[in-house]
Amino acid sequence: MAAAGRAVAGSAFRGVTAGATAATRGAAGSEIDWTNFNYPCSGEPCNLLHFDLAELRGKQGDAVFTVVRTVYAWFLLSFGVVCLNFLNSFILAVAIDSSVIYSGVNVVYGLFNFIIASVCGLFVVYNIYKGLAVPSPKAKRNGQAVMVVLLILSFIQMLMGAGNTNGFANFGTDRMALAEAADLGIVGYWKAMTVIESLLWMGAVGLGVFAFWRLHTF
């Protein structure tokens, strides 16, 4: 059943991306085959869309390649922090045997973030890639709009200290104080991960704003 669901979802996603079947010329004379679904990987059921940075080489003096690569780097960094947060949520939920300090439902929140980052992040990357490669102003605008939403959410993740989030404010929360009062051995790890996650989110927000500025001025 799960395999069938993934196949249906993959087919639906590929159906959307197949709307750009008209090939566009690269600087070297090669065509971008939008029906060659090769990302995130080339095999079923993960070949959801077409994405190949190398095909952008030489377009407008590598300017298109550079801008899309910056957006892609932002996506990878943000997705990496989301994965780290999901792992930390699981570790903390197992190690802290108190729903008052850290609830197990935070693992579910982390999973939701993982799904949102995956789907929305890929939407941004693909639309920016298509928007600059074709070019398609509509695709570019769609990518930028969702990117703004993700940047706002990233900024919240950087600051907030509640639920599964481990932002800077986490140090001043009651749950951290309760964990310290209970002399839990995991407190040191939690504080370290709070610093790491917050700084990584700060980097992701900074890189995202820079990428968005490059898109806006392109």
C-alpha atoms as a PDB file:
ATOM      1  CA  MET A   1       0.000   0.000   0.000  1.00  0.00           C
ATOM      2  CA  ALA A   2       2.815   2.394   0.933  1.00  0.00           C
ATOM      3  CA  ALA A   3       4.645   1.542  -2.306  1.00  0.00           C
ATOM      4  CA  ALA A   4       1.487   2.216  -4.301  1.00  0.00           C
ATOM      5  CA  GLY A   5       1.036   5.539  -2.510  1.00  0.00           C
ATOM      6  CA  ARG A   6       4.592   6.589  -3.300  1.00  0.00           C
ATOM      7  CA  ALA A   7       4.123   5.597  -6.930  1.00  0.00           C
ATOM      8  CA  VAL A   8       0.935   7.658  -7.211  1.00  0.00           C
ATOM      9  CA  ALA A   9       2.569  10.664  -5.534  1.00  0.00           C
ATOM     10  CA  GLY A  10       5.602  10.358  -7.786  1.00  0.00           C
ATOM     11  CA  SER A  11       3.436  10.139 -10.890  1.00  0.00           C
ATOM     12  CA  ALA A  12       1.452  13.203  -9.837  1.00  0.00           C
ATOM     13  CA  PHE A  13       4.613  15.221  -9.198  1.00  0.00           C
ATOM     14  CA  ARG A  14       6.108  14.151 -12.514  1.00  0.00           C
ATOM     15  CA  GLY A  15       2.828  15.035 -14.220  1.00  0.00           C
ATOM     16  CA  VAL A  16       3.195  18.604 -12.978  1.00  0.00           C
ATOM     17  CA  THR A  17       6.815  18.913 -14.043  1.00  0.00           C
ATOM     18  CA  ALA A  18       6.054  17.427 -17.429  1.00  0.00           C
ATOM     19  CA  GLY A  19       4.208  20.646 -18.237  1.00  0.00           C
ATOM     20  CA  ALA A  20       7.547  22.085 -19.320  1.00  0.00           C
ATOM     21  CA  THR A  21       8.206  19.513 -22.051  1.00  0.00           C
ATOM     22  CA  ALA A  22       9.363  22.134 -24.517  1.00  0.00           C
ATOM     23  CA  ALA A  23      13.163  21.949 -24.506  1.00  0.00           C
ATOM     24  CA  THR A  24      15.286  25.010 -24.099  1.00  0.00           C
ATOM     25  CA  ARG A  25      18.688  25.606 -25.612  1.00  0.00           C
ATOM     26  CA  GLY A  26      21.836  25.715 -23.474  1.00  0.00           C
ATOM     27  CA  ALA A  27      24.872  27.760 -24.420  1.00  0.00           C
ATOM     28  CA  ALA A  28      26.678  24.684 -25.747  1.00  0.00           C
ATOM     29  CA  GLY A  29      23.759  23.803 -28.022  1.00  0.00           C
ATOM     30  CA  SER A  30      22.540  20.953 -25.808  1.00  0.00           C
ATOM     31  CA  GLU A  31      18.834  20.745 -24.944  1.00  0.00           C
ATOM     32  CA  ILE A  32      17.318  20.538 -21.497  1.00  0.00           C
ATOM     33  CA  ASP A  33      15.037  17.511 -21.543  1.00  0.00           C
ATOM     34  CA  TRP A  34      12.376  18.366 -18.972  1.00  0.00           C
ATOM     35  CA  THR A  35      10.923  14.854 -19.206  1.00  0.00           C
ATOM     36  CA  ASN A  36      14.205  13.320 -17.985  1.00  0.00           C
ATOM     37  CA  PHE A  37      13.227  12.989 -14.334  1.00  0.00           C
ATOM     38  CA  ASN A  38      16.532  12.521 -12.519  1.00  0.00           C
ATOM     39  CA  TYR A  39      16.124  14.201  -9.107  1.00  0.00           C
ATOM     40  CA  PRO A  40      16.401  13.572  -6.161  1.00  0.00           C
ATOM     41  CA  CYS A  41      17.666  10.320  -7.708  1.00  0.00           C
ATOM     42  CA  SER A  42      17.344   8.619 -11.073  1.00  0.00           C
ATOM     43  CA  GLY A  43      15.418   5.536  -9.933  1.00  0.00           C
ATOM     44  CA  GLU A  44      11.760   4.984  -9.055  1.00  0.00           C
ATOM     45  CA  PRO A  45       9.985   6.275  -7.022  1.00  0.00           C
ATOM     46  CA  CYS A  46      12.308   9.194  -6.272  1.00  0.00           C
ATOM     47  CA  ASN A  47      12.809  10.554  -9.790  1.00  0.00           C
ATOM     48  CA  LEU A  48      10.308  13.347  -9.272  1.00  0.00           C
ATOM     49  CA  LEU A  49      11.686  16.162 -11.433  1.00  0.00           C
ATOM     50  CA  HIS A  50      14.456  17.217 -13.770  1.00  0.00           C
ATOM     51  CA  PHE A  51      17.357  19.113 -12.228  1.00  0.00           C
ATOM     52  CA  ASP A  52      20.921  19.355 -13.504  1.00  0.00           C
ATOM     53  CA  LEU A  53      23.060  22.373 -12.659  1.00  0.00           C
ATOM     54  CA  ALA A  54      25.609  21.453 -15.329  1.00  0.00           C
ATOM     55  CA  GLU A  55      23.035  22.223 -18.028  1.00  0.00           C
ATOM     56  CA  LEU A  56      23.063  25.862 -16.947  1.00  0.00           C
ATOM     57  CA  ARG A  57      26.774  26.330 -17.591  1.00  0.00           C
ATOM     58  CA  GLY A  58      27.446  29.139 -20.038  1.00  0.00           C
ATOM     59  CA  LYS A  59      23.960  30.639 -19.929  1.00  0.00           C
ATOM     60  CA  GLN A  60      24.420  34.405 -19.733  1.00  0.00           C
ATOM     61  CA  GLY A  61      28.057  33.977 -18.811  1.00  0.00           C
ATOM     62  CA  ASP A  62      27.348  31.415 -16.074  1.00  0.00           C
ATOM     63  CA  ALA A  63      25.123  33.951 -14.295  1.00  0.00           C
ATOM     64  CA  VAL A  64      22.110  31.609 -14.366  1.00  0.00           C
ATOM     65  CA  PHE A  65      24.228  28.734 -13.059  1.00  0.00           C
ATOM     66  CA  THR A  66      25.581  30.843 -10.188  1.00  0.00           C
ATOM     67  CA  VAL A  67      22.172  32.111  -9.056  1.00  0.00           C
ATOM     68  CA  VAL A  68      20.511  28.689  -9.163  1.00  0.00           C
ATOM     69  CA  ARG A  69      23.488  27.116  -7.402  1.00  0.00           C
ATOM     70  CA  THR A  70      23.130  29.671  -4.579  1.00  0.00           C
ATOM     71  CA  VAL A  71      19.432  28.835  -4.174  1.00  0.00           C
ATOM     72  CA  TYR A  72      20.273  25.129  -4.225  1.00  0.00           C
ATOM     73  CA  ALA A  73      22.957  25.596  -1.545  1.00  0.00           C
ATOM     74  CA  TRP A  74      20.382  27.382   0.634  1.00  0.00           C
ATOM     75  CA  PHE A  75      17.976  24.478   0.193  1.00  0.00           C
ATOM     76  CA  LEU A  76      20.608  21.878   1.109  1.00  0.00           C
ATOM     77  CA  LEU A  77      21.656  23.782   4.240  1.00  0.00           C
ATOM     78  CA  SER A  78      18.057  24.304   5.387  1.00  0.00           C
ATOM     79  CA  PHE A  79      17.150  20.681   4.723  1.00  0.00           C
ATOM     80  CA  GLY A  80      20.234  19.551   6.613  1.00  0.00           C
ATOM     81  CA  VAL A  81      19.217  21.563   9.702  1.00  0.00           C
ATOM     82  CA  VAL A  82      15.704  20.104   9.526  1.00  0.00           C
ATOM     83  CA  CYS A  83      17.170  16.581   9.457  1.00  0.00           C
ATOM     84  CA  LEU A  84      19.408  17.419  12.434  1.00  0.00           C
ATOM     85  CA  ASN A  85      16.426  18.782  14.346  1.00  0.00           C
ATOM     86  CA  PHE A  86      14.413  15.631  13.664  1.00  0.00           C
ATOM     87  CA  LEU A  87      17.284  13.503  14.967  1.00  0.00           C
ATOM     88  CA  ASN A  88      17.657  15.700  18.052  1.00  0.00           C
ATOM     89  CA  SER A  89      13.914  15.551  18.711  1.00  0.00           C
ATOM     90  CA  PHE A  90      14.052  11.769  18.732  1.00  0.00           C
ATOM     91  CA  ILE A  91      17.108  11.651  21.018  1.00  0.00           C
ATOM     92  CA  LEU A  92      15.633  14.161  23.483  1.00  0.00           C
ATOM     93  CA  ALA A  93      12.224  12.454  23.548  1.00  0.00           C
ATOM     94  CA  VAL A  94      13.874   9.127  24.390  1.00  0.00           C
ATOM     95  CA  ALA A  95      16.371  10.530  26.911  1.00  0.00           C
ATOM     96  CA  ILE A  96      13.993  12.856  28.803  1.00  0.00           C
ATOM     97  CA  ASP A  97      11.417  10.738  30.584  1.00  0.00           C
ATOM     98  CA  SER A  98       9.055  13.621  31.266  1.00  0.00           C
ATOM     99  CA  SER A  99       6.349  14.987  28.978  1.00  0.00           C
ATOM    100  CA  VAL A 100       6.366  18.200  31.018  1.00  0.00           C
ATOM    101  CA  ILE A 101       9.969  18.931  30.002  1.00  0.00           C
ATOM    102  CA  TYR A 102      10.008  17.427  26.501  1.00  0.00           C
ATOM    103  CA  SER A 103       7.016  15.727  24.938  1.00  0.00           C
ATOM    104  CA  GLY A 104       7.343  12.800  22.551  1.00  0.00           C
ATOM    105  CA  VAL A 105       4.945  14.581  20.191  1.00  0.00           C
ATOM    106  CA  ASN A 106       7.872  16.831  19.271  1.00  0.00           C
ATOM    107  CA  VAL A 107       9.171  13.956  17.150  1.00  0.00           C
ATOM    108  CA  VAL A 108       5.975  14.199  15.096  1.00  0.00           C
ATOM    109  CA  TYR A 109       6.483  17.944  14.743  1.00  0.00           C
ATOM    110  CA  GLY A 110      10.016  17.247  13.531  1.00  0.00           C
ATOM    111  CA  LEU A 111       8.631  14.812  10.964  1.00  0.00           C
ATOM    112  CA  PHE A 112       6.159  17.444   9.749  1.00  0.00           C
ATOM    113  CA  ASN A 113       9.040  19.895   9.325  1.00  0.00           C
ATOM    114  CA  PHE A 114      10.932  17.261   7.347  1.00  0.00           C
ATOM    115  CA  ILE A 115       8.002  16.789   4.967  1.00  0.00           C
ATOM    116  CA  ILE A 116       7.422  20.530   4.572  1.00  0.00           C
ATOM    117  CA  ALA A 117      11.111  21.202   3.929  1.00  0.00           C
ATOM    118  CA  SER A 118      11.282  18.395   1.376  1.00  0.00           C
ATOM    119  CA  VAL A 119       8.192  19.283  -0.633  1.00  0.00           C
ATOM    120  CA  CYS A 120       8.347  23.080  -0.442  1.00  0.00           C
ATOM    121  CA  GLY A 121      12.128  23.178  -0.806  1.00  0.00           C
ATOM    122  CA  LEU A 122      12.055  21.070  -3.961  1.00  0.00           C
ATOM    123  CA  PHE A 123       9.236  23.245  -5.285  1.00  0.00           C
ATOM    124  CA  VAL A 124      11.423  26.331  -4.851  1.00  0.00           C
ATOM    125  CA  VAL A 125      14.529  24.756  -6.381  1.00  0.00           C
ATOM    126  CA  TYR A 126      12.678  23.381  -9.410  1.00  0.00           C
ATOM    127  CA  ASN A 127      10.729  26.563 -10.120  1.00  0.00           C
ATOM    128  CA  ILE A 128      13.800  28.767  -9.831  1.00  0.00           C
ATOM    129  CA  TYR A 129      15.735  26.344 -12.056  1.00  0.00           C
ATOM    130  CA  LYS A 130      12.948  26.312 -14.632  1.00  0.00           C
ATOM    131  CA  GLY A 131      12.234  30.030 -14.250  1.00  0.00           C
ATOM    132  CA  LEU A 132      15.787  31.025 -15.157  1.00  0.00           C
ATOM    133  CA  ALA A 133      16.556  28.241 -17.635  1.00  0.00           C
ATOM    134  CA  VAL A 134      13.491  28.555 -19.891  1.00  0.00           C
ATOM    135  CA  PRO A 135      13.082  31.445 -18.873  1.00  0.00           C
ATOM    136  CA  SER A 136       9.667  31.506 -17.209  1.00  0.00           C
ATOM    137  CA  PRO A 137       8.815  34.598 -15.118  1.00  0.00           C
ATOM    138  CA  LYS A 138       5.777  32.815 -13.634  1.00  0.00           C
ATOM    139  CA  ALA A 139       7.862  29.875 -12.396  1.00  0.00           C
ATOM    140  CA  LYS A 140      10.432  32.274 -10.964  1.00  0.00           C
ATOM    141  CA  ARG A 141       7.726  34.226  -9.093  1.00  0.00           C
ATOM    142  CA  ASN A 142       6.203  31.011  -7.734  1.00  0.00           C
ATOM    143  CA  GLY A 143       9.587  29.886  -6.455  1.00  0.00           C
ATOM    144  CA  GLN A 144      10.319  33.253  -4.869  1.00  0.00           C
ATOM    145  CA  ALA A 145       6.910  33.373  -3.146  1.00  0.00           C
ATOM    146  CA  VAL A 146       7.365  29.998  -1.454  1.00  0.00           C
ATOM    147  CA  MET A 147      10.979  30.866  -0.665  1.00  0.00           C
ATOM    148  CA  VAL A 148       9.828  33.931   1.299  1.00  0.00           C
ATOM    149  CA  VAL A 149       7.508  31.748   3.403  1.00  0.00           C
ATOM    150  CA  LEU A 150      10.313  29.257   4.098  1.00  0.00           C
ATOM    151  CA  LEU A 151      12.689  32.062   5.074  1.00  0.00           C
ATOM    152  CA  ILE A 152      10.156  33.391   7.582  1.00  0.00           C
ATOM    153  CA  LEU A 153       9.729  29.897   9.049  1.00  0.00           C
ATOM    154  CA  SER A 154      13.517  29.492   9.204  1.00  0.00           C
ATOM    155  CA  PHE A 155      13.812  32.767  11.105  1.00  0.00           C
ATOM    156  CA  ILE A 156      11.221  31.521  13.607  1.00  0.00           C
ATOM    157  CA  GLN A 157      13.131  28.254  13.991  1.00  0.00           C
ATOM    158  CA  MET A 158      16.280  30.237  14.707  1.00  0.00           C
ATOM    159  CA  LEU A 159      14.660  32.147  17.572  1.00  0.00           C
ATOM    160  CA  MET A 160      11.934  29.969  19.051  1.00  0.00           C
ATOM    161  CA  GLY A 161      12.400  27.545  21.944  1.00  0.00           C
ATOM    162  CA  ALA A 162       9.220  25.488  22.118  1.00  0.00           C
ATOM    163  CA  GLY A 163       7.984  22.179  20.778  1.00  0.00           C
ATOM    164  CA  ASN A 164      10.663  20.632  18.600  1.00  0.00           C
ATOM    165  CA  THR A 165      12.411  23.964  17.952  1.00  0.00           C
ATOM    166  CA  ASN A 166      15.769  24.657  19.573  1.00  0.00           C
ATOM    167  CA  GLY A 167      16.286  28.326  18.803  1.00  0.00           C
ATOM    168  CA  PHE A 168      18.187  30.891  20.854  1.00  0.00           C
ATOM    169  CA  ALA A 169      15.171  31.465  23.118  1.00  0.00           C
ATOM    170  CA  ASN A 170      15.422  27.857  24.256  1.00  0.00           C
ATOM    171  CA  PHE A 171      17.952  28.868  26.905  1.00  0.00           C
ATOM    172  CA  GLY A 172      15.382  31.005  28.727  1.00  0.00           C
ATOM    173  CA  THR A 173      12.493  28.538  28.679  1.00  0.00           C
ATOM    174  CA  ASP A 174      10.898  26.797  31.661  1.00  0.00           C
ATOM    175  CA  ARG A 175      11.586  23.393  30.132  1.00  0.00           C
ATOM    176  CA  MET A 176      15.334  24.038  30.064  1.00  0.00           C
ATOM    177  CA  ALA A 177      15.195  25.286  33.664  1.00  0.00           C
ATOM    178  CA  LEU A 178      13.259  22.168  34.710  1.00  0.00           C
ATOM    179  CA  ALA A 179      15.778  19.936  32.935  1.00  0.00           C
ATOM    180  CA  GLU A 180      18.610  21.645  34.796  1.00  0.00           C
ATOM    181  CA  ALA A 181      16.771  21.407  38.119  1.00  0.00           C
ATOM    182  CA  ALA A 182      16.201  17.694  37.558  1.00  0.00           C
ATOM    183  CA  ASP A 183      19.934  17.341  36.875  1.00  0.00           C
ATOM    184  CA  LEU A 184      19.306  15.435  33.658  1.00  0.00           C
ATOM    185  CA  GLY A 185      22.455  14.183  31.962  1.00  0.00           C
ATOM    186  CA  ILE A 186      21.102  15.179  28.569  1.00  0.00           C
ATOM    187  CA  VAL A 187      21.063  18.897  29.431  1.00  0.00           C
ATOM    188  CA  GLY A 188      24.606  19.483  28.150  1.00  0.00           C
ATOM    189  CA  TYR A 189      23.759  17.828  24.843  1.00  0.00           C
ATOM    190  CA  TRP A 190      20.526  19.806  24.580  1.00  0.00           C
ATOM    191  CA  LYS A 191      22.325  23.107  25.158  1.00  0.00           C
ATOM    192  CA  ALA A 192      25.015  22.232  22.614  1.00  0.00           C
ATOM    193  CA  MET A 193      22.428  21.288  20.010  1.00  0.00           C
ATOM    194  CA  THR A 194      20.522  24.493  20.743  1.00  0.00           C
ATOM    195  CA  VAL A 195      23.621  26.520  19.911  1.00  0.00           C
ATOM    196  CA  ILE A 196      24.398  24.443  16.811  1.00  0.00           C
ATOM    197  CA  GLU A 197      20.847  24.477  15.440  1.00  0.00           C
ATOM    198  CA  SER A 198      20.410  28.207  16.091  1.00  0.00           C
ATOM    199  CA  LEU A 199      23.673  29.093  14.360  1.00  0.00           C
ATOM    200  CA  LEU A 200      22.903  26.816  11.416  1.00  0.00           C
ATOM    201  CA  TRP A 201      19.474  28.405  11.043  1.00  0.00           C
ATOM    202  CA  MET A 202      21.116  31.812  11.186  1.00  0.00           C
ATOM    203  CA  GLY A 203      23.415  30.752   8.369  1.00  0.00           C
ATOM    204  CA  ALA A 204      20.495  29.360   6.376  1.00  0.00           C
ATOM    205  CA  VAL A 205      18.517  32.584   6.777  1.00  0.00           C
ATOM    206  CA  GLY A 206      21.519  34.672   5.761  1.00  0.00           C
ATOM    207  CA  LEU A 207      22.253  32.513   2.719  1.00  0.00           C
ATOM    208  CA  GLY A 208      18.572  32.467   1.794  1.00  0.00           C
ATOM    209  CA  VAL A 209      18.274  36.248   1.941  1.00  0.00           C
ATOM    210  CA  PHE A 210      21.407  36.560  -0.200  1.00  0.00           C
ATOM    211  CA  ALA A 211      20.025  34.041  -2.717  1.00  0.00           C
ATOM    212  CA  PHE A 212      16.690  35.840  -2.817  1.00  0.00           C
ATOM    213  CA  TRP A 213      18.441  39.184  -3.388  1.00  0.00           C
ATOM    214  CA  ARG A 214      20.395  37.682  -6.280  1.00  0.00           C
ATOM    215  CA  LEU A 215      17.163  36.360  -7.751  1.00  0.00           C
ATOM    216  CA  HIS A 216      15.416  39.698  -7.326  1.00  0.00           C
ATOM    217  CA  THR A 217      18.214  41.624  -9.014  1.00  0.00           C
ATOM    218  CA  PHE A 218      18.835  39.037 -11.761  1.00  0.00           C
END
